[in-house]
Amino acid sequence: MHTDDPRAYGLAEYVHENRIDFKFIAGLLFLEFFAFAISTGAIRSMVAEGSLDSFWGVSIGLMIGVTPAMRISHRAGRSTGQAVYRTTTGSSVRYKHGVLRLCLVLAVLAGTGIMWLGLQDGIGGGTVVGVVFTVPFVVLSVGLIRGGRRRPRIQLTSEGVIQEGYGFRKTIPWDSMTDAVLQPKWPPEIGLLAPIPDSFEYVKLTRLKLDEQPNHFPGAFIDCRFFDVHPVVLTRWIRLYLENPKLRHELGTDAATDRLANLLP
């Protein structure tokens, strides 16, 4: 049974995380100081020696300095109204690009730093170690690029909901879905409940553990941090078509995007 009471599916309880996290600030200051010390020390060494032997320190320092940006950017979206058109086409809401780009930057910086450090001993043990430790970052970068080219998204169709991430795809028919519930606590997630395991399709797109979900999960959970749409609005949008089958003919058209833009948190 569906209900119009928003408390029953988490919408009334959701509040954006606005508090000041002093632990995060303290950790951020420490990491930035550490990154600054490594980078400047490496730059001084390169200038004094007139060589690029210490370039690995610049790369690792930049990686450490950029890492906190993941926490800042990887948070639930707040877009409502006309702003949702930036990442929505028809009835498809795309992942934010910022997370993918940051992951690629971190992987490239880490791989470059480790490889450069391994090369300092010449062709030998250091190079082997550098290559071995660099390979995972190269593989991760390739996996992210390939996943990004598939345009990860949540797509509502007349048949059901398609959730495609960097490493998986799930298709859940409307008839199998019993509810769409917002988990208001951090990280905010939308649970699409489909109690019968065989009622939905799960396909693993890569062997890497990127953003995959356990295939035995009864339905799907949508991590709202990947989308630049307010979690309450996104939940209301899915529930609108779940509870009103007569409206599903407009899925895939601009009418579906207009409905999303007209919903309020």
C-alpha atoms as a PDB file:
ATOM      1  CA  MET A   1       0.000   0.000   0.000  1.00  0.00           C
ATOM      2  CA  HIS A   2       1.289   3.419  -0.920  1.00  0.00           C
ATOM      3  CA  THR A   3       0.569   6.390   1.272  1.00  0.00           C
ATOM      4  CA  ASP A   4       0.507  10.135   0.801  1.00  0.00           C
ATOM      5  CA  ASP A   5       2.104  10.678   4.210  1.00  0.00           C
ATOM      6  CA  PRO A   6       5.686  11.814   3.460  1.00  0.00           C
ATOM      7  CA  ARG A   7       6.848  10.572   6.858  1.00  0.00           C
ATOM      8  CA  ALA A   8       6.218   7.026   5.669  1.00  0.00           C
ATOM      9  CA  TYR A   9       9.001   7.180   3.068  1.00  0.00           C
ATOM     10  CA  GLY A  10      11.565   9.550   4.562  1.00  0.00           C
ATOM     11  CA  LEU A  11      10.770  12.774   2.700  1.00  0.00           C
ATOM     12  CA  ALA A  12       9.719  14.758   5.767  1.00  0.00           C
ATOM     13  CA  GLU A  13      12.851  13.716   7.659  1.00  0.00           C
ATOM     14  CA  TYR A  14      15.433  14.666   5.047  1.00  0.00           C
ATOM     15  CA  VAL A  15      17.592  17.669   5.861  1.00  0.00           C
ATOM     16  CA  HIS A  16      20.723  18.733   3.981  1.00  0.00           C
ATOM     17  CA  GLU A  17      23.897  18.318   6.004  1.00  0.00           C
ATOM     18  CA  ASN A  18      24.770  21.919   6.834  1.00  0.00           C
ATOM     19  CA  ARG A  19      26.559  21.572  10.159  1.00  0.00           C
ATOM     20  CA  ILE A  20      30.229  22.446  10.500  1.00  0.00           C
ATOM     21  CA  ASP A  21      32.262  19.264  10.765  1.00  0.00           C
ATOM     22  CA  PHE A  22      35.229  20.284  12.906  1.00  0.00           C
ATOM     23  CA  LYS A  23      36.902  16.876  12.524  1.00  0.00           C
ATOM     24  CA  PHE A  24      36.781  17.250   8.754  1.00  0.00           C
ATOM     25  CA  ILE A  25      38.169  20.787   8.945  1.00  0.00           C
ATOM     26  CA  ALA A  26      41.012  19.657  11.208  1.00  0.00           C
ATOM     27  CA  GLY A  27      41.790  16.738   8.898  1.00  0.00           C
ATOM     28  CA  LEU A  28      41.598  19.020   5.877  1.00  0.00           C
ATOM     29  CA  LEU A  29      44.082  21.504   7.356  1.00  0.00           C
ATOM     30  CA  PHE A  30      46.487  18.695   8.253  1.00  0.00           C
ATOM     31  CA  LEU A  31      46.315  17.123   4.786  1.00  0.00           C
ATOM     32  CA  GLU A  32      46.748  20.452   3.005  1.00  0.00           C
ATOM     33  CA  PHE A  33      49.743  21.343   5.190  1.00  0.00           C
ATOM     34  CA  PHE A  34      51.255  17.905   4.547  1.00  0.00           C
ATOM     35  CA  ALA A  35      50.619  18.209   0.792  1.00  0.00           C
ATOM     36  CA  PHE A  36      52.117  21.708   0.727  1.00  0.00           C
ATOM     37  CA  ALA A  37      55.228  20.525   2.586  1.00  0.00           C
ATOM     38  CA  ILE A  38      55.799  17.586   0.222  1.00  0.00           C
ATOM     39  CA  SER A  39      55.194  19.621  -2.946  1.00  0.00           C
ATOM     40  CA  THR A  40      57.324  22.617  -1.973  1.00  0.00           C
ATOM     41  CA  GLY A  41      60.117  20.354  -0.711  1.00  0.00           C
ATOM     42  CA  ALA A  42      60.127  18.494  -4.023  1.00  0.00           C
ATOM     43  CA  ILE A  43      60.133  21.746  -6.012  1.00  0.00           C
ATOM     44  CA  ARG A  44      63.072  23.117  -3.993  1.00  0.00           C
ATOM     45  CA  SER A  45      64.944  19.870  -4.561  1.00  0.00           C
ATOM     46  CA  MET A  46      64.353  20.007  -8.318  1.00  0.00           C
ATOM     47  CA  VAL A  47      65.522  23.627  -8.476  1.00  0.00           C
ATOM     48  CA  ALA A  48      68.624  22.932  -6.384  1.00  0.00           C
ATOM     49  CA  GLU A  49      69.597  19.787  -8.319  1.00  0.00           C
ATOM     50  CA  GLY A  50      68.520  21.066 -11.722  1.00  0.00           C
ATOM     51  CA  SER A  51      66.729  17.788 -12.450  1.00  0.00           C
ATOM     52  CA  LEU A  52      63.259  16.254 -12.312  1.00  0.00           C
ATOM     53  CA  ASP A  53      64.237  13.419  -9.969  1.00  0.00           C
ATOM     54  CA  SER A  54      61.945  14.755  -7.215  1.00  0.00           C
ATOM     55  CA  PHE A  55      58.942  15.300  -9.470  1.00  0.00           C
ATOM     56  CA  TRP A  56      57.246  12.340  -7.790  1.00  0.00           C
ATOM     57  CA  GLY A  57      56.923  14.465  -4.654  1.00  0.00           C
ATOM     58  CA  VAL A  58      54.997  17.146  -6.558  1.00  0.00           C
ATOM     59  CA  SER A  59      52.624  14.541  -7.985  1.00  0.00           C
ATOM     60  CA  ILE A  60      52.003  12.835  -4.630  1.00  0.00           C
ATOM     61  CA  GLY A  61      51.642  16.195  -2.887  1.00  0.00           C
ATOM     62  CA  LEU A  62      49.040  17.321  -5.401  1.00  0.00           C
ATOM     63  CA  MET A  63      47.176  14.032  -4.984  1.00  0.00           C
ATOM     64  CA  ILE A  64      47.029  14.496  -1.207  1.00  0.00           C
ATOM     65  CA  GLY A  65      45.948  18.105  -1.631  1.00  0.00           C
ATOM     66  CA  VAL A  66      43.149  17.256  -4.051  1.00  0.00           C
ATOM     67  CA  THR A  67      41.793  14.284  -2.060  1.00  0.00           C
ATOM     68  CA  PRO A  68      39.550  16.339   0.302  1.00  0.00           C
ATOM     69  CA  ALA A  69      37.714  17.705  -2.744  1.00  0.00           C
ATOM     70  CA  MET A  70      36.029  14.305  -3.015  1.00  0.00           C
ATOM     71  CA  ARG A  71      34.266  14.899   0.284  1.00  0.00           C
ATOM     72  CA  ILE A  72      33.265  18.421  -0.752  1.00  0.00           C
ATOM     73  CA  SER A  73      31.927  17.513  -4.196  1.00  0.00           C
ATOM     74  CA  HIS A  74      30.525  14.047  -3.430  1.00  0.00           C
ATOM     75  CA  ARG A  75      27.383  15.211  -1.666  1.00  0.00           C
ATOM     76  CA  ALA A  76      23.696  15.123  -2.475  1.00  0.00           C
ATOM     77  CA  GLY A  77      22.483  17.645  -5.034  1.00  0.00           C
ATOM     78  CA  ARG A  78      20.226  20.567  -4.204  1.00  0.00           C
ATOM     79  CA  SER A  79      18.956  21.437  -7.664  1.00  0.00           C
ATOM     80  CA  THR A  80      15.239  22.011  -8.145  1.00  0.00           C
ATOM     81  CA  GLY A  81      13.127  23.825 -10.719  1.00  0.00           C
ATOM     82  CA  GLN A  82      14.881  24.909 -13.910  1.00  0.00           C
ATOM     83  CA  ALA A  83      18.274  23.790 -12.553  1.00  0.00           C
ATOM     84  CA  VAL A  84      17.396  20.098 -13.045  1.00  0.00           C
ATOM     85  CA  TYR A  85      17.546  20.545 -16.829  1.00  0.00           C
ATOM     86  CA  ARG A  86      21.357  20.635 -16.601  1.00  0.00           C
ATOM     87  CA  THR A  87      21.591  16.900 -15.975  1.00  0.00           C
ATOM     88  CA  THR A  88      18.181  15.634 -17.103  1.00  0.00           C
ATOM     89  CA  THR A  89      17.042  14.713 -20.601  1.00  0.00           C
ATOM     90  CA  GLY A  90      13.587  13.284 -21.094  1.00  0.00           C
ATOM     91  CA  SER A  91      13.232  10.867 -18.185  1.00  0.00           C
ATOM     92  CA  SER A  92      16.958  10.224 -17.719  1.00  0.00           C
ATOM     93  CA  VAL A  93      18.957  11.831 -14.892  1.00  0.00           C
ATOM     94  CA  ARG A  94      22.719  11.596 -15.460  1.00  0.00           C
ATOM     95  CA  TYR A  95      25.532  11.263 -12.934  1.00  0.00           C
ATOM     96  CA  LYS A  96      27.409  14.403 -11.982  1.00  0.00           C
ATOM     97  CA  HIS A  97      30.689  14.645 -13.899  1.00  0.00           C
ATOM     98  CA  GLY A  98      32.682  16.109 -11.006  1.00  0.00           C
ATOM     99  CA  VAL A  99      33.096  12.819  -9.149  1.00  0.00           C
ATOM    100  CA  LEU A 100      34.386  10.998 -12.243  1.00  0.00           C
ATOM    101  CA  ARG A 101      36.830  13.785 -13.081  1.00  0.00           C
ATOM    102  CA  LEU A 102      38.199  13.905  -9.536  1.00  0.00           C
ATOM    103  CA  CYS A 103      38.648  10.132  -9.460  1.00  0.00           C
ATOM    104  CA  LEU A 104      40.571  10.291 -12.722  1.00  0.00           C
ATOM    105  CA  VAL A 105      42.771  13.153 -11.467  1.00  0.00           C
ATOM    106  CA  LEU A 106      43.593  11.267  -8.249  1.00  0.00           C
ATOM    107  CA  ALA A 107      44.338   8.044 -10.125  1.00  0.00           C
ATOM    108  CA  VAL A 108      46.611   9.826 -12.630  1.00  0.00           C
ATOM    109  CA  LEU A 109      48.489  11.775  -9.923  1.00  0.00           C
ATOM    110  CA  ALA A 110      48.987   8.695  -7.757  1.00  0.00           C
ATOM    111  CA  GLY A 111      50.083   6.542 -10.693  1.00  0.00           C
ATOM    112  CA  THR A 112      52.469   9.214 -11.998  1.00  0.00           C
ATOM    113  CA  GLY A 113      54.048   9.763  -8.593  1.00  0.00           C
ATOM    114  CA  ILE A 114      54.622   6.085  -7.893  1.00  0.00           C
ATOM    115  CA  MET A 115      55.945   5.412 -11.388  1.00  0.00           C
ATOM    116  CA  TRP A 116      58.323   8.370 -11.213  1.00  0.00           C
ATOM    117  CA  LEU A 117      59.596   7.270  -7.802  1.00  0.00           C
ATOM    118  CA  GLY A 118      60.253   3.765  -9.123  1.00  0.00           C
ATOM    119  CA  LEU A 119      62.227   5.113 -12.073  1.00  0.00           C
ATOM    120  CA  GLN A 120      64.723   6.948  -9.861  1.00  0.00           C
ATOM    121  CA  ASP A 121      66.773   3.789  -9.313  1.00  0.00           C
ATOM    122  CA  GLY A 122      67.128   3.181 -13.021  1.00  0.00           C
ATOM    123  CA  ILE A 123      66.009   0.079 -14.839  1.00  0.00           C
ATOM    124  CA  GLY A 124      65.838  -2.413 -12.014  1.00  0.00           C
ATOM    125  CA  GLY A 125      63.978  -3.239  -8.840  1.00  0.00           C
ATOM    126  CA  GLY A 126      62.695   0.296  -8.344  1.00  0.00           C
ATOM    127  CA  THR A 127      61.170   0.340 -11.817  1.00  0.00           C
ATOM    128  CA  VAL A 128      59.512  -3.030 -11.284  1.00  0.00           C
ATOM    129  CA  VAL A 129      58.028  -1.874  -7.982  1.00  0.00           C
ATOM    130  CA  GLY A 130      56.900   1.385  -9.572  1.00  0.00           C
ATOM    131  CA  VAL A 131      55.200  -0.421 -12.458  1.00  0.00           C
ATOM    132  CA  VAL A 132      53.519  -2.964 -10.166  1.00  0.00           C
ATOM    133  CA  PHE A 133      52.067  -0.270  -7.925  1.00  0.00           C
ATOM    134  CA  THR A 134      51.086   1.917 -10.889  1.00  0.00           C
ATOM    135  CA  VAL A 135      49.112  -0.750 -12.750  1.00  0.00           C
ATOM    136  CA  PRO A 136      46.073  -0.614 -10.376  1.00  0.00           C
ATOM    137  CA  PHE A 137      45.753   3.138 -10.904  1.00  0.00           C
ATOM    138  CA  VAL A 138      45.982   2.722 -14.684  1.00  0.00           C
ATOM    139  CA  VAL A 139      43.338  -0.001 -14.615  1.00  0.00           C
ATOM    140  CA  LEU A 140      41.132   2.162 -12.401  1.00  0.00           C
ATOM    141  CA  SER A 141      41.476   5.106 -14.789  1.00  0.00           C
ATOM    142  CA  VAL A 142      40.557   2.959 -17.796  1.00  0.00           C
ATOM    143  CA  GLY A 143      37.574   1.501 -15.925  1.00  0.00           C
ATOM    144  CA  LEU A 144      36.305   4.939 -14.952  1.00  0.00           C
ATOM    145  CA  ILE A 145      36.692   6.282 -18.481  1.00  0.00           C
ATOM    146  CA  ARG A 146      34.845   3.317 -19.970  1.00  0.00           C
ATOM    147  CA  GLY A 147      32.134   3.597 -17.310  1.00  0.00           C
ATOM    148  CA  GLY A 148      31.797   7.322 -17.917  1.00  0.00           C
ATOM    149  CA  ARG A 149      31.351   6.775 -21.654  1.00  0.00           C
ATOM    150  CA  ARG A 150      28.276   4.654 -20.863  1.00  0.00           C
ATOM    151  CA  ARG A 151      26.801   7.818 -19.292  1.00  0.00           C
ATOM    152  CA  PRO A 152      25.766   6.451 -15.867  1.00  0.00           C
ATOM    153  CA  ARG A 153      22.215   7.459 -15.064  1.00  0.00           C
ATOM    154  CA  ILE A 154      18.799   6.723 -13.648  1.00  0.00           C
ATOM    155  CA  GLN A 155      16.310   6.306 -16.460  1.00  0.00           C
ATOM    156  CA  LEU A 156      12.560   5.913 -16.134  1.00  0.00           C
ATOM    157  CA  THR A 157      10.908   4.057 -19.015  1.00  0.00           C
ATOM    158  CA  SER A 158       7.388   2.822 -19.652  1.00  0.00           C
ATOM    159  CA  GLU A 159       8.548  -0.657 -18.584  1.00  0.00           C
ATOM    160  CA  GLY A 160      10.424   0.270 -15.419  1.00  0.00           C
ATOM    161  CA  VAL A 161      13.481   1.919 -13.898  1.00  0.00           C
ATOM    162  CA  ILE A 162      16.965   1.436 -15.342  1.00  0.00           C
ATOM    163  CA  GLN A 163      19.888   2.183 -13.044  1.00  0.00           C
ATOM    164  CA  GLU A 164      23.250   2.190 -14.800  1.00  0.00           C
ATOM    165  CA  GLY A 165      26.420   3.019 -12.896  1.00  0.00           C
ATOM    166  CA  TYR A 166      30.110   2.848 -13.749  1.00  0.00           C
ATOM    167  CA  GLY A 167      30.187  -0.890 -13.165  1.00  0.00           C
ATOM    168  CA  PHE A 168      26.649  -2.309 -13.259  1.00  0.00           C
ATOM    169  CA  ARG A 169      23.174  -2.066 -14.746  1.00  0.00           C
ATOM    170  CA  LYS A 170      19.868  -2.897 -13.048  1.00  0.00           C
ATOM    171  CA  THR A 171      16.437  -2.965 -14.665  1.00  0.00           C
ATOM    172  CA  ILE A 172      13.414  -3.078 -12.363  1.00  0.00           C
ATOM    173  CA  PRO A 173       9.923  -3.403 -13.883  1.00  0.00           C
ATOM    174  CA  TRP A 174       7.227  -1.166 -12.433  1.00  0.00           C
ATOM    175  CA  ASP A 175       5.058  -4.189 -11.704  1.00  0.00           C
ATOM    176  CA  SER A 176       7.780  -5.668  -9.489  1.00  0.00           C
ATOM    177  CA  MET A 177       8.425  -2.471  -7.536  1.00  0.00           C
ATOM    178  CA  THR A 178       6.467  -2.047  -4.318  1.00  0.00           C
ATOM    179  CA  ASP A 179       7.819   1.278  -3.076  1.00  0.00           C
ATOM    180  CA  ALA A 180      10.399   4.050  -3.420  1.00  0.00           C
ATOM    181  CA  VAL A 181      11.715   5.105  -0.023  1.00  0.00           C
ATOM    182  CA  LEU A 182      14.216   7.836   0.803  1.00  0.00           C
ATOM    183  CA  GLN A 183      16.800   6.976   3.440  1.00  0.00           C
ATOM    184  CA  PRO A 184      17.252  10.459   4.938  1.00  0.00           C
ATOM    185  CA  LYS A 185      20.439   9.812   6.903  1.00  0.00           C
ATOM    186  CA  TRP A 186      23.892  10.272   5.389  1.00  0.00           C
ATOM    187  CA  PRO A 187      24.570   9.173   2.752  1.00  0.00           C
ATOM    188  CA  PRO A 188      21.047   9.825   1.432  1.00  0.00           C
ATOM    189  CA  GLU A 189      19.799   6.955  -0.725  1.00  0.00           C
ATOM    190  CA  ILE A 190      16.561   6.108  -2.485  1.00  0.00           C
ATOM    191  CA  GLY A 191      15.525   2.503  -2.083  1.00  0.00           C
ATOM    192  CA  LEU A 192      13.515   0.992  -4.938  1.00  0.00           C
ATOM    193  CA  LEU A 193      11.982  -2.049  -3.307  1.00  0.00           C
ATOM    194  CA  ALA A 194      11.362  -5.194  -5.351  1.00  0.00           C
ATOM    195  CA  PRO A 195      10.926  -8.069  -2.871  1.00  0.00           C
ATOM    196  CA  ILE A 196      11.050 -10.865  -5.465  1.00  0.00           C
ATOM    197  CA  PRO A 197      14.733 -11.406  -6.459  1.00  0.00           C
ATOM    198  CA  ASP A 198      13.961 -12.815  -9.918  1.00  0.00           C
ATOM    199  CA  SER A 199      11.775  -9.854 -10.821  1.00  0.00           C
ATOM    200  CA  PHE A 200      14.643  -7.594 -11.895  1.00  0.00           C
ATOM    201  CA  GLU A 201      17.727  -7.871 -14.095  1.00  0.00           C
ATOM    202  CA  TYR A 202      21.250  -7.256 -12.825  1.00  0.00           C
ATOM    203  CA  VAL A 203      24.271  -7.062 -15.141  1.00  0.00           C
ATOM    204  CA  LYS A 204      27.850  -6.503 -13.999  1.00  0.00           C
ATOM    205  CA  LEU A 205      29.677  -4.355 -16.570  1.00  0.00           C
ATOM    206  CA  THR A 206      33.219  -4.603 -15.207  1.00  0.00           C
ATOM    207  CA  ARG A 207      35.305  -6.713 -12.855  1.00  0.00           C
ATOM    208  CA  LEU A 208      36.349  -3.590 -10.968  1.00  0.00           C
ATOM    209  CA  LYS A 209      34.546  -2.674  -7.760  1.00  0.00           C
ATOM    210  CA  LEU A 210      33.555   0.844  -8.791  1.00  0.00           C
ATOM    211  CA  ASP A 211      29.997   1.641  -7.718  1.00  0.00           C
ATOM    212  CA  GLU A 212      28.499  -1.813  -8.096  1.00  0.00           C
ATOM    213  CA  GLN A 213      25.689  -3.117  -5.933  1.00  0.00           C
ATOM    214  CA  PRO A 214      25.201  -6.632  -4.581  1.00  0.00           C
ATOM    215  CA  ASN A 215      23.098  -8.490  -7.135  1.00  0.00           C
ATOM    216  CA  HIS A 216      21.061 -10.091  -4.359  1.00  0.00           C
ATOM    217  CA  PHE A 217      19.754  -6.726  -3.121  1.00  0.00           C
ATOM    218  CA  PRO A 218      15.933  -6.787  -3.471  1.00  0.00           C
ATOM    219  CA  GLY A 219      15.616  -3.871  -5.856  1.00  0.00           C
ATOM    220  CA  ALA A 220      18.049  -0.980  -6.113  1.00  0.00           C
ATOM    221  CA  PHE A 221      19.401   1.802  -3.966  1.00  0.00           C
ATOM    222  CA  ILE A 222      20.188   5.134  -5.598  1.00  0.00           C
ATOM    223  CA  ASP A 223      23.064   7.018  -3.998  1.00  0.00           C
ATOM    224  CA  CYS A 224      21.854  10.622  -4.204  1.00  0.00           C
ATOM    225  CA  ARG A 225      25.416  11.954  -4.008  1.00  0.00           C
ATOM    226  CA  PHE A 226      25.898  11.040  -7.674  1.00  0.00           C
ATOM    227  CA  PHE A 227      23.017  13.237  -8.860  1.00  0.00           C
ATOM    228  CA  ASP A 228      22.618  16.995  -9.028  1.00  0.00           C
ATOM    229  CA  VAL A 229      18.931  16.814  -8.098  1.00  0.00           C
ATOM    230  CA  HIS A 230      17.433  17.315  -4.645  1.00  0.00           C
ATOM    231  CA  PRO A 231      16.881  13.822  -3.119  1.00  0.00           C
ATOM    232  CA  VAL A 232      13.311  14.602  -2.065  1.00  0.00           C
ATOM    233  CA  VAL A 233      12.437  15.840  -5.554  1.00  0.00           C
ATOM    234  CA  LEU A 234      14.026  12.775  -7.177  1.00  0.00           C
ATOM    235  CA  THR A 235      12.085  10.469  -4.842  1.00  0.00           C
ATOM    236  CA  ARG A 236       8.792  12.247  -5.505  1.00  0.00           C
ATOM    237  CA  TRP A 237       9.415  11.991  -9.251  1.00  0.00           C
ATOM    238  CA  ILE A 238       9.941   8.225  -9.146  1.00  0.00           C
ATOM    239  CA  ARG A 239       6.942   7.732  -6.877  1.00  0.00           C
ATOM    240  CA  LEU A 240       4.787   9.829  -9.198  1.00  0.00           C
ATOM    241  CA  TYR A 241       5.218   7.335 -12.027  1.00  0.00           C
ATOM    242  CA  LEU A 242       5.173   4.332  -9.713  1.00  0.00           C
ATOM    243  CA  GLU A 243       1.748   5.284  -8.362  1.00  0.00           C
ATOM    244  CA  ASN A 244       0.294   6.694 -11.614  1.00  0.00           C
ATOM    245  CA  PRO A 245       0.705   4.167 -14.446  1.00  0.00           C
ATOM    246  CA  LYS A 246      -1.458   6.305 -16.750  1.00  0.00           C
ATOM    247  CA  LEU A 247       1.295   8.941 -16.835  1.00  0.00           C
ATOM    248  CA  ARG A 248       4.042   6.597 -17.989  1.00  0.00           C
ATOM    249  CA  HIS A 249       3.348   7.248 -21.655  1.00  0.00           C
ATOM    250  CA  GLU A 250       5.195  10.567 -21.274  1.00  0.00           C
ATOM    251  CA  LEU A 251       8.419   8.935 -20.059  1.00  0.00           C
ATOM    252  CA  GLY A 252      11.267   9.620 -22.459  1.00  0.00           C
ATOM    253  CA  THR A 253       9.795  12.965 -23.481  1.00  0.00           C
ATOM    254  CA  ASP A 254      10.262  16.542 -22.308  1.00  0.00           C
ATOM    255  CA  ALA A 255       7.030  16.225 -20.352  1.00  0.00           C
ATOM    256  CA  ALA A 256       8.808  13.964 -17.845  1.00  0.00           C
ATOM    257  CA  THR A 257      11.583  16.533 -17.385  1.00  0.00           C
ATOM    258  CA  ASP A 258       8.996  19.277 -16.916  1.00  0.00           C
ATOM    259  CA  ARG A 259       7.312  17.259 -14.169  1.00  0.00           C
ATOM    260  CA  LEU A 260      10.641  16.857 -12.388  1.00  0.00           C
ATOM    261  CA  ALA A 261      11.269  20.609 -12.642  1.00  0.00           C
ATOM    262  CA  ASN A 262       7.813  21.379 -11.214  1.00  0.00           C
ATOM    263  CA  LEU A 263       8.214  19.187  -8.116  1.00  0.00           C
ATOM    264  CA  LEU A 264       9.172  20.788  -4.815  1.00  0.00           C
ATOM    265  CA  PRO A 265      11.130  19.297  -1.880  1.00  0.00           C
END
